[in-house]
């Protein structure tokens, strides 16, 4: 029995087991987030309007925003265009958001994020949007809906490598037990 081959076989087998263990590590990607309209909390105007109101029931912990779509811009477009959104909370407090409207390359759009945040209190929220020098034709409460994801195994190729390395280590151990130990031969020295 050769102890050096046994030690090498044990080390190679251990490395193979590490590769096999790593191949089974799952990685869960970040779930996709989609903005969905809160049921019953949207208003569409048949024609563009300067003033719209909407209300909806939101629950604590929801991430929400007040979403609106702009109507066709006036001709010529006024750089003073803005939309004021007054958000009323269930406890009666209000918060006013000023959303500037701008033009870039002939396209008209908002120059600040939609008003929103995280809900601290479950209840009925109200939003009143007033447009100045532009019109709006849609107003809604939207909240984030998180999708589901399956875990992925990006290191699964290590399973084959680990299995082969482990089998090689076992083979070296078997070989080390079958090969006899080197015999030291003493040579008599002639005097």
Protein backbone atom coordinates (compact mmCIF):
# COMPACT_ATOMS: atom_id res chain seq x y z
CA UNK A 1 0.00 0.00 0.00
CA UNK A 2 1.37 3.37 -1.05
CA UNK A 3 0.56 6.17 1.40
CA UNK A 4 1.48 8.93 -1.03
CA UNK A 5 -1.12 7.69 -3.56
CA UNK A 6 -3.72 7.33 -0.80
CA UNK A 7 -3.15 10.94 0.30
CA UNK A 8 -3.33 12.20 -3.29
CA UNK A 9 -6.53 10.19 -3.88
CA UNK A 10 -8.16 11.63 -0.77
CA UNK A 11 -7.29 15.20 -1.81
CA UNK A 12 -8.59 14.72 -5.37
CA UNK A 13 -11.79 13.08 -4.05
CA UNK A 14 -12.33 15.97 -1.64
CA UNK A 15 -11.92 18.51 -4.47
CA UNK A 16 -14.44 16.50 -6.51
CA UNK A 17 -16.95 16.63 -3.64
CA UNK A 18 -16.48 20.41 -3.44
CA UNK A 19 -17.23 20.73 -7.17
CA UNK A 20 -20.36 18.58 -6.77
CA UNK A 21 -21.55 20.71 -3.82
CA UNK A 22 -20.98 23.96 -5.73
CA UNK A 23 -22.96 22.65 -8.71
CA UNK A 24 -26.09 22.44 -6.53
CA UNK A 25 -26.01 26.10 -5.36
CA UNK A 26 -29.16 27.91 -6.58
CA UNK A 27 -29.15 31.56 -7.60
CA UNK A 28 -32.47 33.37 -7.34
CA UNK A 29 -32.62 36.34 -9.73
CA UNK A 30 -34.42 39.53 -8.78
CA UNK A 31 -38.14 39.13 -9.47
CA UNK A 32 -39.61 41.31 -12.21
CA UNK A 33 -41.65 44.31 -11.09
CA UNK A 34 -44.61 45.54 -13.14
CA UNK A 35 -46.81 48.59 -12.63
CA UNK A 36 -50.48 47.57 -12.64
CA UNK A 37 -53.53 49.79 -12.30
CA UNK A 38 -55.37 49.49 -9.00
CA UNK A 39 -58.85 48.04 -9.79
CA UNK A 40 -61.46 50.81 -9.95
CA UNK A 41 -58.86 53.55 -9.57
CA UNK A 42 -58.64 54.92 -13.09
CA UNK A 43 -60.42 57.64 -15.06
CA UNK A 44 -60.39 58.17 -18.83
CA UNK A 45 -61.68 61.38 -20.31
CA UNK A 46 -63.54 61.14 -23.65
CA UNK A 47 -61.81 64.39 -24.55
CA UNK A 48 -58.70 65.89 -23.06
CA UNK A 49 -59.33 67.76 -19.84
CA UNK A 50 -57.56 70.26 -17.62
CA UNK A 51 -58.81 68.73 -14.34
CA UNK A 52 -59.33 65.06 -13.37
CA UNK A 53 -59.88 63.23 -10.07
CA UNK A 54 -59.51 59.58 -9.08
CA UNK A 55 -59.67 57.59 -5.86
CA UNK A 56 -58.61 54.09 -4.95
CA UNK A 57 -58.08 51.76 -2.03
CA UNK A 58 -54.44 51.05 -1.32
CA UNK A 59 -53.03 48.74 1.35
CA UNK A 60 -50.13 49.27 3.72
CA UNK A 61 -46.76 48.34 2.22
CA UNK A 62 -47.80 48.86 -1.43
CA UNK A 63 -45.49 50.89 -3.63
CA UNK A 64 -47.70 53.18 -5.68
CA UNK A 65 -47.69 56.09 -8.09
CA UNK A 66 -50.23 58.49 -9.56
CA UNK A 67 -50.00 57.93 -13.31
CA UNK A 68 -51.40 60.23 -15.98
CA UNK A 69 -51.25 60.53 -19.76
CA UNK A 70 -50.92 63.84 -21.48
CA UNK A 71 -53.30 65.01 -24.17
CA UNK A 72 -52.14 66.61 -27.40
CA UNK A 73 -49.94 69.66 -26.77
CA UNK A 74 -51.12 73.13 -27.65
CA UNK A 75 -49.67 74.80 -30.69
CA UNK A 76 -47.28 76.47 -29.99
CA UNK A 77 -46.18 74.45 -26.98
CA UNK A 78 -45.77 76.50 -23.81
CA UNK A 79 -42.63 75.84 -21.78
CA UNK A 80 -44.68 76.78 -18.68
CA UNK A 81 -46.76 73.60 -19.01
CA UNK A 82 -47.13 71.75 -15.74
CA UNK A 83 -49.41 69.26 -13.98
CA UNK A 84 -50.19 69.76 -10.30
CA UNK A 85 -51.19 66.57 -8.48
CA UNK A 86 -52.84 66.95 -5.08
CA UNK A 87 -52.74 63.63 -3.18
CA UNK A 88 -55.13 63.21 -0.23
CA UNK A 89 -54.35 60.51 2.33
CA UNK A 90 -57.00 58.54 4.32
CA UNK A 91 -56.25 60.60 7.45
CA UNK A 92 -57.09 63.82 5.56
CA UNK A 93 -53.58 65.17 5.06
CA UNK A 94 -52.58 66.30 1.57
CA UNK A 95 -49.41 66.58 -0.44
CA UNK A 96 -48.96 68.65 -3.59
CA UNK A 97 -46.67 67.53 -6.41
CA UNK A 98 -45.59 69.86 -9.23
CA UNK A 99 -44.71 67.88 -12.37
CA UNK A 100 -43.08 70.03 -15.08
CA UNK A 101 -43.82 69.18 -18.71
CA UNK A 102 -41.13 69.66 -21.32
CA UNK A 103 -40.39 69.10 -24.98
CA UNK A 104 -37.39 67.39 -26.48
CA UNK A 105 -37.01 66.70 -30.18
CA UNK A 106 -40.67 67.37 -30.86
CA UNK A 107 -41.85 64.87 -28.20
CA UNK A 108 -43.70 66.18 -25.15
CA UNK A 109 -43.30 64.42 -21.79
CA UNK A 110 -42.91 64.80 -18.05
CA UNK A 111 -39.61 66.08 -16.69
CA UNK A 112 -39.92 64.57 -13.19
CA UNK A 113 -41.00 61.16 -11.86
CA UNK A 114 -44.67 60.42 -11.29
CA UNK A 115 -45.72 61.20 -7.71
CA UNK A 116 -45.75 58.13 -5.48
CA UNK A 117 -44.11 56.26 -2.65
CA UNK A 118 -44.85 53.50 -0.16
CA UNK A 119 -48.24 53.29 1.56
CA UNK A 120 -48.05 53.64 5.35
CA UNK A 121 -51.79 53.39 6.03
CA UNK A 122 -54.47 51.26 4.39
CA UNK A 123 -57.43 53.24 3.12
CA UNK A 124 -58.91 55.32 0.32
CA UNK A 125 -56.50 57.68 -1.38
CA UNK A 126 -57.63 60.51 -3.66
CA UNK A 127 -55.69 62.27 -6.40
CA UNK A 128 -56.72 65.46 -8.15
CA UNK A 129 -54.66 66.48 -11.21
CA UNK A 130 -54.80 69.98 -12.70
CA UNK A 131 -53.04 70.65 -15.99
CA UNK A 132 -51.79 74.09 -16.97
CA UNK A 133 -51.01 74.91 -20.64
CA UNK A 134 -51.55 71.23 -21.55
CA UNK A 135 -54.32 68.66 -21.18
CA UNK A 136 -54.53 65.19 -19.63
CA UNK A 137 -56.77 62.34 -20.78
CA UNK A 138 -56.02 59.52 -18.29
CA UNK A 139 -55.45 59.42 -14.53
CA UNK A 140 -54.92 56.31 -12.38
CA UNK A 141 -53.39 54.88 -9.23
CA UNK A 142 -50.84 52.18 -10.04
CA UNK A 143 -49.00 49.82 -7.73
CA UNK A 144 -46.04 47.49 -8.15
CA UNK A 145 -46.82 43.83 -8.67
CA UNK A 146 -43.85 41.53 -8.12
CA UNK A 147 -43.60 38.48 -10.37
CA UNK A 148 -42.28 35.07 -9.42
CA UNK A 149 -38.97 33.64 -10.54
CA UNK A 150 -37.56 30.14 -10.54
CA UNK A 151 -34.13 29.54 -9.01
CA UNK A 152 -31.38 29.00 -11.54
CA UNK A 153 -28.35 26.75 -11.27
CA UNK A 154 -25.57 28.52 -13.19
CA UNK A 155 -22.84 26.22 -11.81
CA UNK A 156 -24.50 22.97 -12.88
CA UNK A 157 -21.65 22.22 -15.29
CA UNK A 158 -19.47 21.62 -12.23
CA UNK A 159 -21.49 18.46 -11.52
CA UNK A 160 -19.81 16.61 -14.38
CA UNK A 161 -16.38 18.01 -13.49
CA UNK A 162 -16.89 17.16 -9.81
CA UNK A 163 -18.14 13.65 -10.59
CA UNK A 164 -15.15 12.96 -12.80
CA UNK A 165 -12.70 14.38 -10.27
CA UNK A 166 -14.28 12.37 -7.45
CA UNK A 167 -14.16 9.17 -9.52
CA UNK A 168 -10.51 9.88 -10.38
CA UNK A 169 -9.72 10.33 -6.69
CA UNK A 170 -11.37 7.01 -5.84
CA UNK A 171 -9.38 5.38 -8.66
CA UNK A 172 -6.13 6.76 -7.25
CA UNK A 173 -7.06 5.43 -3.78
CA UNK A 174 -7.77 1.95 -5.22
CA UNK A 175 -4.53 2.07 -7.16
CA UNK A 176 -2.65 3.09 -4.03
CA UNK A 177 -3.97 0.07 -2.12
CA UNK A 178 -3.13 -2.39 -4.91
CA UNK A 179 0.43 -1.26 -5.65
CA UNK A 180 2.84 -2.66 -3.12
CA UNK A 181 5.10 -0.45 -1.11
CA UNK A 182 8.54 0.15 -2.54
CA UNK A 183 11.05 -2.09 -1.02
CA UNK A 184 14.29 -0.62 -0.03
CA UNK A 185 17.18 -2.77 -1.00
CA UNK A 186 20.27 -2.66 1.02
CA UNK A 187 23.45 -3.05 -0.84
CA UNK A 188 26.33 -4.40 0.95
CA UNK A 189 29.29 -2.36 0.48
CA UNK A 190 32.44 -4.19 -0.17
CA UNK A 191 35.38 -3.33 1.92
